[in-house]
Amino acid sequence: MTSVAALVAAAGSGQRLGLGPKAFVRLAGRTLLEIAHDAFRDLASELVVAVPAGEEERARELMPGAIVIAGGADRQHTVGRLLAASSSELVLVHDVARPYLTPAVARRVLSAVEEVGAASAALAPADTVVRATDGQVLDREALRLIQTPQGFRRELLLEAHRAAAAAGHSATDDTALVRRLGHEVRLVQGSPLLAKLTAADDLPLLEALHDVWRGQLEGDADAAG
């Protein structure tokens, strides 16, 4: 079987949220790191997590068996460090701020990676989208909201990061780095459960989604058993 590494970016300070590092924020009584550990337990043979410098030991206690490293100055540098600490053929890059990953989404991403080398979870916008400057309505059929996980052949993502570093190019999204190489990135169906925790107003929604996600996780485990 092809080896898979889950690379979890959890090095954010959580400044906008105001509750300290996001990695240790709790939903339904559990930290985002513990939730990520559950989400990837049966999906990846290797789990690598980047947390704020100085918080490594605290993270290791919450994620037994994981490789825990300090993150970089920004997300791009953090993912670069995660890649360097991993060895699997395929990687799933995921933001800890999107805690409710379901097995179905992860498998769709991995299946696409097996076919074309790079893929991302994405959602079509449900609402009307307008350009802020003039109110022009955009064709939402051609638009997608990019989520994580994003999956890659490890060597392809390494090449993309090296090329970006050599050119002094930065991006907040790993698929953008891969597209710079002229490589296809396939978009697969994501999930509304992958809502991102950014500000304090997001907490009630994510609390409400916890039991829905847990039910899907347990249902998948029962089906597999």
Foldseek 3Di string as FASTA:
>chain_A
DFAEEEEEEQADQLVQAPPGGQQQDDFPRGGLLLLQLLQCVPPHPAYEYEYAPPCQVVSCVSRPPHHYYHADPAPLRRVVVSLVVDDTQKYWYAYSQQRQAFPVQVVVQVVVCVVFFKEFAKAQDPDFDADVVPRHTDDSVPDIHTHDGIMGRSVLLNVLSVVCVVVVHDDNDSVVSSVVVVGDYYYDHDDPSRDGDRYNVCRVVNSVCVVVSVVSSVVVVVVVD
